PDB file of N, CA and C in Angstrom:
ATOM      1  N   MET A   1      -2.982 -10.665  20.892  1.00  0.00           N
ATOM      2  CA  MET A   1      -3.480  -9.370  20.240  1.00  0.00           C
ATOM      3  C   MET A   1      -4.810 -10.030  19.769  1.00  0.00           C
ATOM      4  N   ALA A   2      -4.708 -10.751  19.378  1.00  0.00           N
ATOM      5  CA  ALA A   2      -5.761 -11.316  18.409  1.00  0.00           C
ATOM      6  C   ALA A   2      -7.111 -11.502  18.970  1.00  0.00           C
ATOM      7  N   GLU A   3      -6.768 -11.655  20.045  1.00  0.00           N
ATOM      8  CA  GLU A   3      -8.385 -11.566  21.163  1.00  0.00           C
ATOM      9  C   GLU A   3      -8.939  -9.894  21.310  1.00  0.00           C
ATOM     10  N   LEU A   4      -7.814  -9.204  21.284  1.00  0.00           N
ATOM     11  CA  LEU A   4      -7.815  -7.845  21.435  1.00  0.00           C
ATOM     12  C   LEU A   4      -8.108  -7.095  19.911  1.00  0.00           C
ATOM     13  N   LEU A   5      -8.372  -7.723  19.543  1.00  0.00           N
ATOM     14  CA  LEU A   5      -8.996  -6.806  17.934  1.00  0.00           C
ATOM     15  C   LEU A   5     -10.291  -7.625  17.662  1.00  0.00           C
ATOM     16  N   GLN A   6     -10.493  -8.494  18.458  1.00  0.00           N
ATOM     17  CA  GLN A   6     -12.224  -9.010  17.897  1.00  0.00           C
ATOM     18  C   GLN A   6     -12.998  -8.757  19.116  1.00  0.00           C
ATOM     19  N   VAL A   7     -12.599  -7.909  19.591  1.00  0.00           N
ATOM     20  CA  VAL A   7     -13.221  -7.216  20.914  1.00  0.00           C
ATOM     21  C   VAL A   7     -14.472  -6.382  20.014  1.00  0.00           C
ATOM     22  N   ARG A   8     -15.635  -6.103  20.211  1.00  0.00           N
ATOM     23  CA  ARG A   8     -16.631  -5.549  19.475  1.00  0.00           C
ATOM     24  C   ARG A   8     -17.265  -4.565  20.572  1.00  0.00           C
ATOM     25  N   GLN A   9     -17.289  -4.572  21.662  1.00  0.00           N
ATOM     26  CA  GLN A   9     -17.806  -4.062  23.223  1.00  0.00           C
ATOM     27  C   GLN A   9     -17.022  -3.869  23.795  1.00  0.00           C
ATOM     28  N   PRO A  10     -16.709  -2.534  24.468  1.00  0.00           N
ATOM     29  CA  PRO A  10     -16.088  -2.321  25.597  1.00  0.00           C
ATOM     30  C   PRO A  10     -16.187  -3.159  26.861  1.00  0.00           C
ATOM     31  N   GLY A  11     -17.175  -3.578  27.243  1.00  0.00           N
ATOM     32  CA  GLY A  11     -17.338  -4.709  28.015  1.00  0.00           C
ATOM     33  C   GLY A  11     -16.956  -6.180  27.788  1.00  0.00           C
ATOM     34  N   GLU A  12     -16.445  -6.480  26.700  1.00  0.00           N
ATOM     35  CA  GLU A  12     -15.745  -7.459  26.685  1.00  0.00           C
ATOM     36  C   GLU A  12     -14.434  -7.757  27.018  1.00  0.00           C
ATOM     37  N   LEU A  13     -13.686  -6.345  27.069  1.00  0.00           N
ATOM     38  CA  LEU A  13     -12.520  -6.611  27.631  1.00  0.00           C
ATOM     39  C   LEU A  13     -12.427  -6.803  28.694  1.00  0.00           C
ATOM     40  N   SER A  14     -13.263  -7.092  29.710  1.00  0.00           N
ATOM     41  CA  SER A  14     -12.795  -7.326  31.019  1.00  0.00           C
ATOM     42  C   SER A  14     -12.780  -9.182  30.559  1.00  0.00           C
ATOM     43  N   GLU A  15     -12.938  -9.404  29.602  1.00  0.00           N
ATOM     44  CA  GLU A  15     -13.169 -11.241  29.353  1.00  0.00           C
ATOM     45  C   GLU A  15     -11.534 -11.633  28.588  1.00  0.00           C
ATOM     46  N   ILE A  16     -10.679 -10.336  28.605  1.00  0.00           N
ATOM     47  CA  ILE A  16      -9.464 -10.999  28.133  1.00  0.00           C
ATOM     48  C   ILE A  16      -8.536 -10.857  29.189  1.00  0.00           C
ATOM     49  N   ASN A  17      -7.904 -11.728  28.951  1.00  0.00           N
ATOM     50  CA  ASN A  17      -6.957 -12.272  30.221  1.00  0.00           C
ATOM     51  C   ASN A  17      -5.757 -12.023  29.927  1.00  0.00           C
ATOM     52  N   ALA A  18      -4.907 -10.808  30.469  1.00  0.00           N
ATOM     53  CA  ALA A  18      -3.768 -10.956  29.938  1.00  0.00           C
ATOM     54  C   ALA A  18      -2.943  -9.985  31.222  1.00  0.00           C
ATOM     55  N   ASN A  19      -1.795 -10.419  31.402  1.00  0.00           N
ATOM     56  CA  ASN A  19      -0.747 -10.069  32.634  1.00  0.00           C
ATOM     57  C   ASN A  19      -0.200  -8.465  32.063  1.00  0.00           C
ATOM     58  N   ALA A  20       0.444  -8.406  33.363  1.00  0.00           N
ATOM     59  CA  ALA A  20       0.939  -6.671  33.344  1.00  0.00           C
ATOM     60  C   ALA A  20       2.196  -6.870  32.153  1.00  0.00           C
ATOM     61  N   GLU A  21       3.023  -7.634  32.104  1.00  0.00           N
ATOM     62  CA  GLU A  21       3.817  -7.995  30.668  1.00  0.00           C
ATOM     63  C   GLU A  21       3.398  -7.921  29.594  1.00  0.00           C
ATOM     64  N   ALA A  22       2.361  -8.777  29.775  1.00  0.00           N
ATOM     65  CA  ALA A  22       1.374  -8.800  28.448  1.00  0.00           C
ATOM     66  C   ALA A  22       1.063  -7.677  27.447  1.00  0.00           C
ATOM     67  N   ARG A  23       0.589  -6.797  28.482  1.00  0.00           N
ATOM     68  CA  ARG A  23      -0.194  -5.537  28.612  1.00  0.00           C
ATOM     69  C   ARG A  23       0.959  -4.048  27.773  1.00  0.00           C
ATOM     70  N   ARG A  24       2.082  -4.511  28.827  1.00  0.00           N
ATOM     71  CA  ARG A  24       2.886  -3.739  28.194  1.00  0.00           C
ATOM     72  C   ARG A  24       3.718  -3.843  26.686  1.00  0.00           C
ATOM     73  N   LYS A  25       3.722  -5.224  26.573  1.00  0.00           N
ATOM     74  CA  LYS A  25       4.338  -5.364  25.106  1.00  0.00           C
ATOM     75  C   LYS A  25       3.285  -5.045  24.211  1.00  0.00           C
ATOM     76  N   ILE A  26       1.810  -5.510  24.260  1.00  0.00           N
ATOM     77  CA  ILE A  26       1.323  -5.091  23.396  1.00  0.00           C
ATOM     78  C   ILE A  26       1.505  -3.456  23.004  1.00  0.00           C
ATOM     79  N   LEU A  27       1.254  -2.815  23.721  1.00  0.00           N
ATOM     80  CA  LEU A  27       1.430  -1.281  23.861  1.00  0.00           C
ATOM     81  C   LEU A  27       2.675  -1.049  23.178  1.00  0.00           C
ATOM     82  N   ASP A  28       4.000  -1.755  23.690  1.00  0.00           N
ATOM     83  CA  ASP A  28       5.076  -1.251  22.893  1.00  0.00           C
ATOM     84  C   ASP A  28       5.095  -1.447  21.310  1.00  0.00           C
ATOM     85  N   LEU A  29       4.341  -3.241  21.255  1.00  0.00           N
ATOM     86  CA  LEU A  29       4.209  -3.044  19.779  1.00  0.00           C
ATOM     87  C   LEU A  29       2.865  -2.162  18.722  1.00  0.00           C
ATOM     88  N   MET A  30       2.182  -1.585  19.289  1.00  0.00           N
ATOM     89  CA  MET A  30       1.178  -1.009  18.853  1.00  0.00           C
ATOM     90  C   MET A  30       2.078   0.642  18.354  1.00  0.00           C
ATOM     91  N   GLU A  31       2.877   0.988  19.457  1.00  0.00           N
ATOM     92  CA  GLU A  31       3.635   2.014  19.174  1.00  0.00           C
ATOM     93  C   GLU A  31       4.677   1.715  17.673  1.00  0.00           C
ATOM     94  N   VAL A  32       5.188   0.439  17.947  1.00  0.00           N
ATOM     95  CA  VAL A  32       5.919   0.467  17.109  1.00  0.00           C
ATOM     96  C   VAL A  32       4.843   0.425  15.456  1.00  0.00           C
ATOM     97  N   TYR A  33       4.053  -0.325  15.167  1.00  0.00           N
ATOM     98  CA  TYR A  33       3.170  -0.684  14.294  1.00  0.00           C
ATOM     99  C   TYR A  33       3.266   1.114  13.418  1.00  0.00           C
ATOM    100  N   TYR A  34       2.377   1.873  14.713  1.00  0.00           N
ATOM    101  CA  TYR A  34       1.573   3.030  14.165  1.00  0.00           C
ATOM    102  C   TYR A  34       2.872   4.250  13.510  1.00  0.00           C
ATOM    103  N   SER A  35       3.994   3.882  14.527  1.00  0.00           N
ATOM    104  CA  SER A  35       5.156   4.487  13.785  1.00  0.00           C
ATOM    105  C   SER A  35       6.010   4.254  12.257  1.00  0.00           C
ATOM    106  N   LEU A  36       5.787   2.963  12.097  1.00  0.00           N
ATOM    107  CA  LEU A  36       5.823   2.042  10.959  1.00  0.00           C
ATOM    108  C   LEU A  36       4.827   2.550   9.820  1.00  0.00           C
ATOM    109  N   HIS A  37       3.855   2.552  10.061  1.00  0.00           N
ATOM    110  CA  HIS A  37       2.395   2.966   9.320  1.00  0.00           C
ATOM    111  C   HIS A  37       1.591   4.294   8.967  1.00  0.00           C
ATOM    112  N   VAL A  38       1.955   5.254  10.391  1.00  0.00           N
ATOM    113  CA  VAL A  38       1.710   6.482  10.130  1.00  0.00           C
ATOM    114  C   VAL A  38       2.685   7.157   9.641  1.00  0.00           C
ATOM    115  N   GLN A  39       2.537   8.336   8.707  1.00  0.00           N
ATOM    116  CA  GLN A  39       4.228   9.221   8.663  1.00  0.00           C
ATOM    117  C   GLN A  39       3.955  10.405   9.668  1.00  0.00           C
ATOM    118  N   ASP A  40       4.839  10.390  10.176  1.00  0.00           N
ATOM    119  CA  ASP A  40       5.514  11.762  10.982  1.00  0.00           C
ATOM    120  C   ASP A  40       4.328  11.486  12.547  1.00  0.00           C
ATOM    121  N   PHE A  41       4.585   9.982  12.589  1.00  0.00           N
ATOM    122  CA  PHE A  41       3.523   9.490  13.836  1.00  0.00           C
ATOM    123  C   PHE A  41       4.404  10.100  15.230  1.00  0.00           C
ATOM    124  N   GLY A  42       5.645  10.060  15.081  1.00  0.00           N
ATOM    125  CA  GLY A  42       6.224  10.236  16.612  1.00  0.00           C
ATOM    126  C   GLY A  42       5.748   9.477  17.578  1.00  0.00           C
ATOM    127  N   ASN A  43       6.351  10.430  18.828  1.00  0.00           N
ATOM    128  CA  ASN A  43       6.080   9.563  19.887  1.00  0.00           C
ATOM    129  C   ASN A  43       4.965   9.559  20.559  1.00  0.00           C
ATOM    130  N   MET A  44       4.316   8.570  21.257  1.00  0.00           N
ATOM    131  CA  MET A  44       3.202   8.731  22.237  1.00  0.00           C
ATOM    132  C   MET A  44       3.946   9.261  23.063  1.00  0.00           C
ATOM    133  N   ARG A  45       2.939  10.546  23.947  1.00  0.00           N
ATOM    134  CA  ARG A  45       3.137  10.977  24.986  1.00  0.00           C
ATOM    135  C   ARG A  45       2.242  10.114  26.412  1.00  0.00           C
ATOM    136  N   THR A  46       1.274   9.831  26.115  1.00  0.00           N
ATOM    137  CA  THR A  46       0.531   9.163  26.440  1.00  0.00           C
ATOM    138  C   THR A  46       0.826   7.503  27.134  1.00  0.00           C
ATOM    139  N   LEU A  47       1.728   7.094  26.285  1.00  0.00           N
ATOM    140  CA  LEU A  47       2.538   5.635  26.535  1.00  0.00           C
ATOM    141  C   LEU A  47       2.620   5.495  27.572  1.00  0.00           C
ATOM    142  N   PRO A  48       3.691   5.980  28.170  1.00  0.00           N
ATOM    143  CA  PRO A  48       4.084   6.238  29.799  1.00  0.00           C
ATOM    144  C   PRO A  48       3.631   6.161  30.606  1.00  0.00           C
ATOM    145  N   ILE A  49       2.367   7.058  30.495  1.00  0.00           N
ATOM    146  CA  ILE A  49       0.938   7.334  31.328  1.00  0.00           C
ATOM    147  C   ILE A  49       0.083   5.416  31.210  1.00  0.00           C
ATOM    148  N   LEU A  50       0.176   5.419  30.333  1.00  0.00           N
ATOM    149  CA  LEU A  50      -0.674   3.934  30.154  1.00  0.00           C
ATOM    150  C   LEU A  50       0.344   3.130  30.870  1.00  0.00           C
ATOM    151  N   LYS A  51       1.382   2.839  30.436  1.00  0.00           N
ATOM    152  CA  LYS A  51       2.104   1.904  31.101  1.00  0.00           C
ATOM    153  C   LYS A  51       2.360   1.985  32.840  1.00  0.00           C
ATOM    154  N   GLU A  52       1.817   3.052  33.012  1.00  0.00           N
ATOM    155  CA  GLU A  52       2.072   3.797  34.818  1.00  0.00           C
ATOM    156  C   GLU A  52       0.623   3.019  35.467  1.00  0.00           C
ATOM    157  N   ILE A  53      -0.313   3.124  34.197  1.00  0.00           N
ATOM    158  CA  ILE A  53      -1.761   2.177  35.053  1.00  0.00           C
ATOM    159  C   ILE A  53      -2.057   1.320  34.852  1.00  0.00           C
ATOM    160  N   MET A  54      -1.364   0.536  33.648  1.00  0.00           N
ATOM    161  CA  MET A  54      -1.717  -0.656  33.541  1.00  0.00           C
ATOM    162  C   MET A  54      -0.419  -2.161  34.577  1.00  0.00           C
ATOM    163  N   ARG A  55      -0.183  -1.313  35.563  1.00  0.00           N
ATOM    164  CA  ARG A  55       1.170  -2.056  35.974  1.00  0.00           C
ATOM    165  C   ARG A  55       0.160  -3.270  36.844  1.00  0.00           C
TER     166      ARG A  55
END
């Protein structure tokens, strides 16, 4: 996650080495973070789609 937060340009994303499990965990944790910090955040409807793409 620390590496992801340091990305300044979209092209730098390809330099981050993360397996499918790590990417899914990051998505899950981001959803938890936003649900705790954004009032009425609800559920991300795109999350299942992102998880499928990141297999």
